Amino acid sequence: MNKGDAVDLVFRITAAVTRGFHHVGALTQTGRLRWYAANMAIGLIVVVLIVASA
């Protein structure tokens, strides 16, 4: 009876967005440890540069 109301719409949109983020995240998982480590190092450098410039 209330399948199409606004409350259910909010939950459906939230679920769809979550599935989309999961799909994008799953595409980046290759199992290559060196790739993960390199990305973490690059991220750390970016964070340090942002903090140092502030």
PDB file of N, CA and C in Angstrom:
ATOM      1  N   MET A   1       0.820  -1.193   0.000  1.00  0.00           N
ATOM      2  CA  MET A   1       0.000   0.000   0.000  1.00  0.00           C
ATOM      3  C   MET A   1       0.869   1.264   0.000  1.00  0.00           C
ATOM      4  N   ASN A   2       1.900   1.294   0.831  1.00  0.00           N
ATOM      5  CA  ASN A   2       2.745   2.485   0.931  1.00  0.00           C
ATOM      6  C   ASN A   2       4.096   2.288   0.253  1.00  0.00           C
ATOM      7  N   LYS A   3       4.161   1.443  -0.760  1.00  0.00           N
ATOM      8  CA  LYS A   3       5.447   1.176  -1.404  1.00  0.00           C
ATOM      9  C   LYS A   3       6.026   2.392  -2.118  1.00  0.00           C
ATOM     10  N   GLY A   4       5.217   3.295  -2.543  1.00  0.00           N
ATOM     11  CA  GLY A   4       5.694   4.430  -3.319  1.00  0.00           C
ATOM     12  C   GLY A   4       5.786   5.724  -2.536  1.00  0.00           C
ATOM     13  N   ASP A   5       5.752   5.660  -1.216  1.00  0.00           N
ATOM     14  CA  ASP A   5       5.769   6.909  -0.456  1.00  0.00           C
ATOM     15  C   ASP A   5       7.192   7.461  -0.342  1.00  0.00           C
ATOM     16  N   ALA A   6       7.306   8.662   0.199  1.00  0.00           N
ATOM     17  CA  ALA A   6       8.581   9.381   0.258  1.00  0.00           C
ATOM     18  C   ALA A   6       9.594   8.691   1.156  1.00  0.00           C
ATOM     19  N   VAL A   7       9.145   8.063   2.219  1.00  0.00           N
ATOM     20  CA  VAL A   7      10.076   7.402   3.133  1.00  0.00           C
ATOM     21  C   VAL A   7      10.785   6.249   2.421  1.00  0.00           C
ATOM     22  N   ASP A   8      10.047   5.435   1.708  1.00  0.00           N
ATOM     23  CA  ASP A   8      10.656   4.336   0.968  1.00  0.00           C
ATOM     24  C   ASP A   8      11.563   4.844  -0.145  1.00  0.00           C
ATOM     25  N   LEU A   9      11.205   5.948  -0.747  1.00  0.00           N
ATOM     26  CA  LEU A   9      12.032   6.526  -1.799  1.00  0.00           C
ATOM     27  C   LEU A   9      13.401   6.915  -1.260  1.00  0.00           C
ATOM     28  N   VAL A  10      13.449   7.491  -0.067  1.00  0.00           N
ATOM     29  CA  VAL A  10      14.722   7.871   0.554  1.00  0.00           C
ATOM     30  C   VAL A  10      15.600   6.635   0.743  1.00  0.00           C
ATOM     31  N   PHE A  11      15.009   5.546   1.235  1.00  0.00           N
ATOM     32  CA  PHE A  11      15.791   4.333   1.455  1.00  0.00           C
ATOM     33  C   PHE A  11      16.232   3.699   0.146  1.00  0.00           C
ATOM     34  N   ARG A  12      15.405   3.750  -0.874  1.00  0.00           N
ATOM     35  CA  ARG A  12      15.795   3.195  -2.176  1.00  0.00           C
ATOM     36  C   ARG A  12      16.943   3.990  -2.792  1.00  0.00           C
ATOM     37  N   ILE A  13      16.884   5.305  -2.671  1.00  0.00           N
ATOM     38  CA  ILE A  13      17.966   6.140  -3.203  1.00  0.00           C
ATOM     39  C   ILE A  13      19.254   5.884  -2.442  1.00  0.00           C
ATOM     40  N   THR A  14      19.158   5.782  -1.118  1.00  0.00           N
ATOM     41  CA  THR A  14      20.339   5.508  -0.298  1.00  0.00           C
ATOM     42  C   THR A  14      20.963   4.166  -0.690  1.00  0.00           C
ATOM     43  N   ALA A  15      20.145   3.157  -0.884  1.00  0.00           N
ATOM     44  CA  ALA A  15      20.650   1.837  -1.280  1.00  0.00           C
ATOM     45  C   ALA A  15      21.299   1.890  -2.655  1.00  0.00           C
ATOM     46  N   ALA A  16      20.722   2.625  -3.585  1.00  0.00           N
ATOM     47  CA  ALA A  16      21.281   2.718  -4.932  1.00  0.00           C
ATOM     48  C   ALA A  16      22.638   3.429  -4.916  1.00  0.00           C
ATOM     49  N   VAL A  17      22.737   4.491  -4.138  1.00  0.00           N
ATOM     50  CA  VAL A  17      24.005   5.222  -4.036  1.00  0.00           C
ATOM     51  C   VAL A  17      25.071   4.331  -3.405  1.00  0.00           C
ATOM     52  N   THR A  18      24.695   3.588  -2.371  1.00  0.00           N
ATOM     53  CA  THR A  18      25.633   2.688  -1.720  1.00  0.00           C
ATOM     54  C   THR A  18      26.115   1.602  -2.680  1.00  0.00           C
ATOM     55  N   ARG A  19      25.207   1.038  -3.469  1.00  0.00           N
ATOM     56  CA  ARG A  19      25.602   0.031  -4.464  1.00  0.00           C
ATOM     57  C   ARG A  19      26.551   0.628  -5.496  1.00  0.00           C
ATOM     58  N   GLY A  20      26.309   1.869  -5.898  1.00  0.00           N
ATOM     59  CA  GLY A  20      27.196   2.532  -6.853  1.00  0.00           C
ATOM     60  C   GLY A  20      28.591   2.728  -6.303  1.00  0.00           C
ATOM     61  N   PHE A  21      28.685   3.187  -5.055  1.00  0.00           N
ATOM     62  CA  PHE A  21      29.997   3.360  -4.419  1.00  0.00           C
ATOM     63  C   PHE A  21      30.711   2.020  -4.281  1.00  0.00           C
ATOM     64  N   HIS A  22      29.959   0.970  -3.943  1.00  0.00           N
ATOM     65  CA  HIS A  22      30.562  -0.354  -3.830  1.00  0.00           C
ATOM     66  C   HIS A  22      31.115  -0.812  -5.176  1.00  0.00           C
ATOM     67  N   HIS A  23      30.366  -0.573  -6.231  1.00  0.00           N
ATOM     68  CA  HIS A  23      30.816  -0.982  -7.564  1.00  0.00           C
ATOM     69  C   HIS A  23      32.113  -0.267  -7.934  1.00  0.00           C
ATOM     70  N   VAL A  24      32.185   1.028  -7.688  1.00  0.00           N
ATOM     71  CA  VAL A  24      33.396   1.791  -8.006  1.00  0.00           C
ATOM     72  C   VAL A  24      34.558   1.306  -7.148  1.00  0.00           C
ATOM     73  N   GLY A  25      34.300   1.067  -5.861  1.00  0.00           N
ATOM     74  CA  GLY A  25      35.352   0.569  -4.984  1.00  0.00           C
ATOM     75  C   GLY A  25      35.835  -0.807  -5.389  1.00  0.00           C
ATOM     76  N   ALA A  26      34.930  -1.668  -5.814  1.00  0.00           N
ATOM     77  CA  ALA A  26      35.312  -3.019  -6.227  1.00  0.00           C
ATOM     78  C   ALA A  26      36.172  -2.997  -7.485  1.00  0.00           C
ATOM     79  N   LEU A  27      35.972  -2.020  -8.347  1.00  0.00           N
ATOM     80  CA  LEU A  27      36.790  -1.920  -9.554  1.00  0.00           C
ATOM     81  C   LEU A  27      38.247  -1.602  -9.233  1.00  0.00           C
ATOM     82  N   THR A  28      38.490  -0.926  -8.115  1.00  0.00           N
ATOM     83  CA  THR A  28      39.855  -0.546  -7.757  1.00  0.00           C
ATOM     84  C   THR A  28      40.598  -1.654  -7.030  1.00  0.00           C
ATOM     85  N   GLN A  29      39.919  -2.728  -6.645  1.00  0.00           N
ATOM     86  CA  GLN A  29      40.564  -3.810  -5.912  1.00  0.00           C
ATOM     87  C   GLN A  29      41.182  -4.799  -6.883  1.00  0.00           C
ATOM     88  N   THR A  30      42.505  -4.755  -6.980  1.00  0.00           N
ATOM     89  CA  THR A  30      43.209  -5.625  -7.910  1.00  0.00           C
ATOM     90  C   THR A  30      43.998  -6.708  -7.189  1.00  0.00           C
ATOM     91  N   GLY A  31      44.240  -6.543  -5.899  1.00  0.00           N
ATOM     92  CA  GLY A  31      45.033  -7.508  -5.153  1.00  0.00           C
ATOM     93  C   GLY A  31      46.522  -7.248  -5.245  1.00  0.00           C
ATOM     94  N   ARG A  32      46.904  -6.156  -5.831  1.00  0.00           N
ATOM     95  CA  ARG A  32      48.334  -5.833  -5.976  1.00  0.00           C
ATOM     96  C   ARG A  32      48.769  -4.956  -4.817  1.00  0.00           C
ATOM     97  N   LEU A  33      49.522  -5.550  -3.908  1.00  0.00           N
ATOM     98  CA  LEU A  33      49.925  -4.864  -2.683  1.00  0.00           C
ATOM     99  C   LEU A  33      50.790  -3.641  -2.957  1.00  0.00           C
ATOM    100  N   ARG A  34      51.687  -3.737  -3.921  1.00  0.00           N
ATOM    101  CA  ARG A  34      52.545  -2.585  -4.234  1.00  0.00           C
ATOM    102  C   ARG A  34      51.716  -1.387  -4.710  1.00  0.00           C
ATOM    103  N   TRP A  35      50.656  -1.652  -5.464  1.00  0.00           N
ATOM    104  CA  TRP A  35      49.779  -0.587  -5.952  1.00  0.00           C
ATOM    105  C   TRP A  35      49.091   0.103  -4.781  1.00  0.00           C
ATOM    106  N   TYR A  36      48.599  -0.700  -3.819  1.00  0.00           N
ATOM    107  CA  TYR A  36      47.948  -0.142  -2.640  1.00  0.00           C
ATOM    108  C   TYR A  36      48.937   0.707  -1.842  1.00  0.00           C
ATOM    109  N   ALA A  37      50.152   0.180  -1.646  1.00  0.00           N
ATOM    110  CA  ALA A  37      51.158   0.902  -0.868  1.00  0.00           C
ATOM    111  C   ALA A  37      51.543   2.215  -1.553  1.00  0.00           C
ATOM    112  N   ALA A  38      51.682   2.180  -2.867  1.00  0.00           N
ATOM    113  CA  ALA A  38      52.035   3.397  -3.604  1.00  0.00           C
ATOM    114  C   ALA A  38      50.935   4.442  -3.482  1.00  0.00           C
ATOM    115  N   ASN A  39      49.683   4.014  -3.569  1.00  0.00           N
ATOM    116  CA  ASN A  39      48.577   4.964  -3.436  1.00  0.00           C
ATOM    117  C   ASN A  39      48.509   5.552  -2.037  1.00  0.00           C
ATOM    118  N   MET A  40      48.777   4.733  -1.027  1.00  0.00           N
ATOM    119  CA  MET A  40      48.785   5.260   0.340  1.00  0.00           C
ATOM    120  C   MET A  40      49.909   6.270   0.529  1.00  0.00           C
ATOM    121  N   ALA A  41      51.074   5.999  -0.064  1.00  0.00           N
ATOM    122  CA  ALA A  41      52.199   6.928   0.035  1.00  0.00           C
ATOM    123  C   ALA A  41      51.875   8.246  -0.660  1.00  0.00           C
ATOM    124  N   ILE A  42      51.273   8.169  -1.828  1.00  0.00           N
ATOM    125  CA  ILE A  42      50.884   9.391  -2.551  1.00  0.00           C
ATOM    126  C   ILE A  42      49.849  10.169  -1.741  1.00  0.00           C
ATOM    127  N   GLY A  43      48.882   9.465  -1.168  1.00  0.00           N
ATOM    128  CA  GLY A  43      47.878  10.129  -0.335  1.00  0.00           C
ATOM    129  C   GLY A  43      48.497  10.802   0.874  1.00  0.00           C
ATOM    130  N   LEU A  44      49.460  10.140   1.500  1.00  0.00           N
ATOM    131  CA  LEU A  44      50.138  10.733   2.651  1.00  0.00           C
ATOM    132  C   LEU A  44      50.899  11.994   2.251  1.00  0.00           C
ATOM    133  N   ILE A  45      51.557  11.947   1.118  1.00  0.00           N
ATOM    134  CA  ILE A  45      52.281  13.128   0.645  1.00  0.00           C
ATOM    135  C   ILE A  45      51.315  14.282   0.388  1.00  0.00           C
ATOM    136  N   VAL A  46      50.180  13.995  -0.212  1.00  0.00           N
ATOM    137  CA  VAL A  46      49.179  15.042  -0.480  1.00  0.00           C
ATOM    138  C   VAL A  46      48.676  15.634   0.835  1.00  0.00           C
ATOM    139  N   VAL A  47      48.380  14.789   1.812  1.00  0.00           N
ATOM    140  CA  VAL A  47      47.901  15.281   3.105  1.00  0.00           C
ATOM    141  C   VAL A  47      48.963  16.136   3.774  1.00  0.00           C
ATOM    142  N   VAL A  48      50.207  15.705   3.748  1.00  0.00           N
ATOM    143  CA  VAL A  48      51.287  16.479   4.372  1.00  0.00           C
ATOM    144  C   VAL A  48      51.454  17.825   3.678  1.00  0.00           C
ATOM    145  N   LEU A  49      51.348  17.851   2.352  1.00  0.00           N
ATOM    146  CA  LEU A  49      51.466  19.113   1.631  1.00  0.00           C
ATOM    147  C   LEU A  49      50.301  20.050   1.967  1.00  0.00           C
ATOM    148  N   ILE A  50      49.100  19.511   2.111  1.00  0.00           N
ATOM    149  CA  ILE A  50      47.953  20.345   2.464  1.00  0.00           C
ATOM    150  C   ILE A  50      48.119  20.928   3.860  1.00  0.00           C
ATOM    151  N   VAL A  51      48.558  20.077   4.796  1.00  0.00           N
ATOM    152  CA  VAL A  51      48.735  20.552   6.177  1.00  0.00           C
ATOM    153  C   VAL A  51      49.878  21.557   6.244  1.00  0.00           C
ATOM    154  N   ALA A  52      50.949  21.318   5.521  1.00  0.00           N
ATOM    155  CA  ALA A  52      52.100  22.210   5.553  1.00  0.00           C
ATOM    156  C   ALA A  52      51.787  23.562   4.930  1.00  0.00           C
ATOM    157  N   SER A  53      50.894  23.605   3.963  1.00  0.00           N
ATOM    158  CA  SER A  53      50.576  24.873   3.304  1.00  0.00           C
ATOM    159  C   SER A  53      49.573  25.712   4.079  1.00  0.00           C
ATOM    160  N   ALA A  54      48.908  25.106   5.059  1.00  0.00           N
ATOM    161  CA  ALA A  54      47.891  25.832   5.831  1.00  0.00           C
ATOM    162  C   ALA A  54      48.458  26.635   6.943  1.00  0.00           C
TER     163      ALA A  54
END
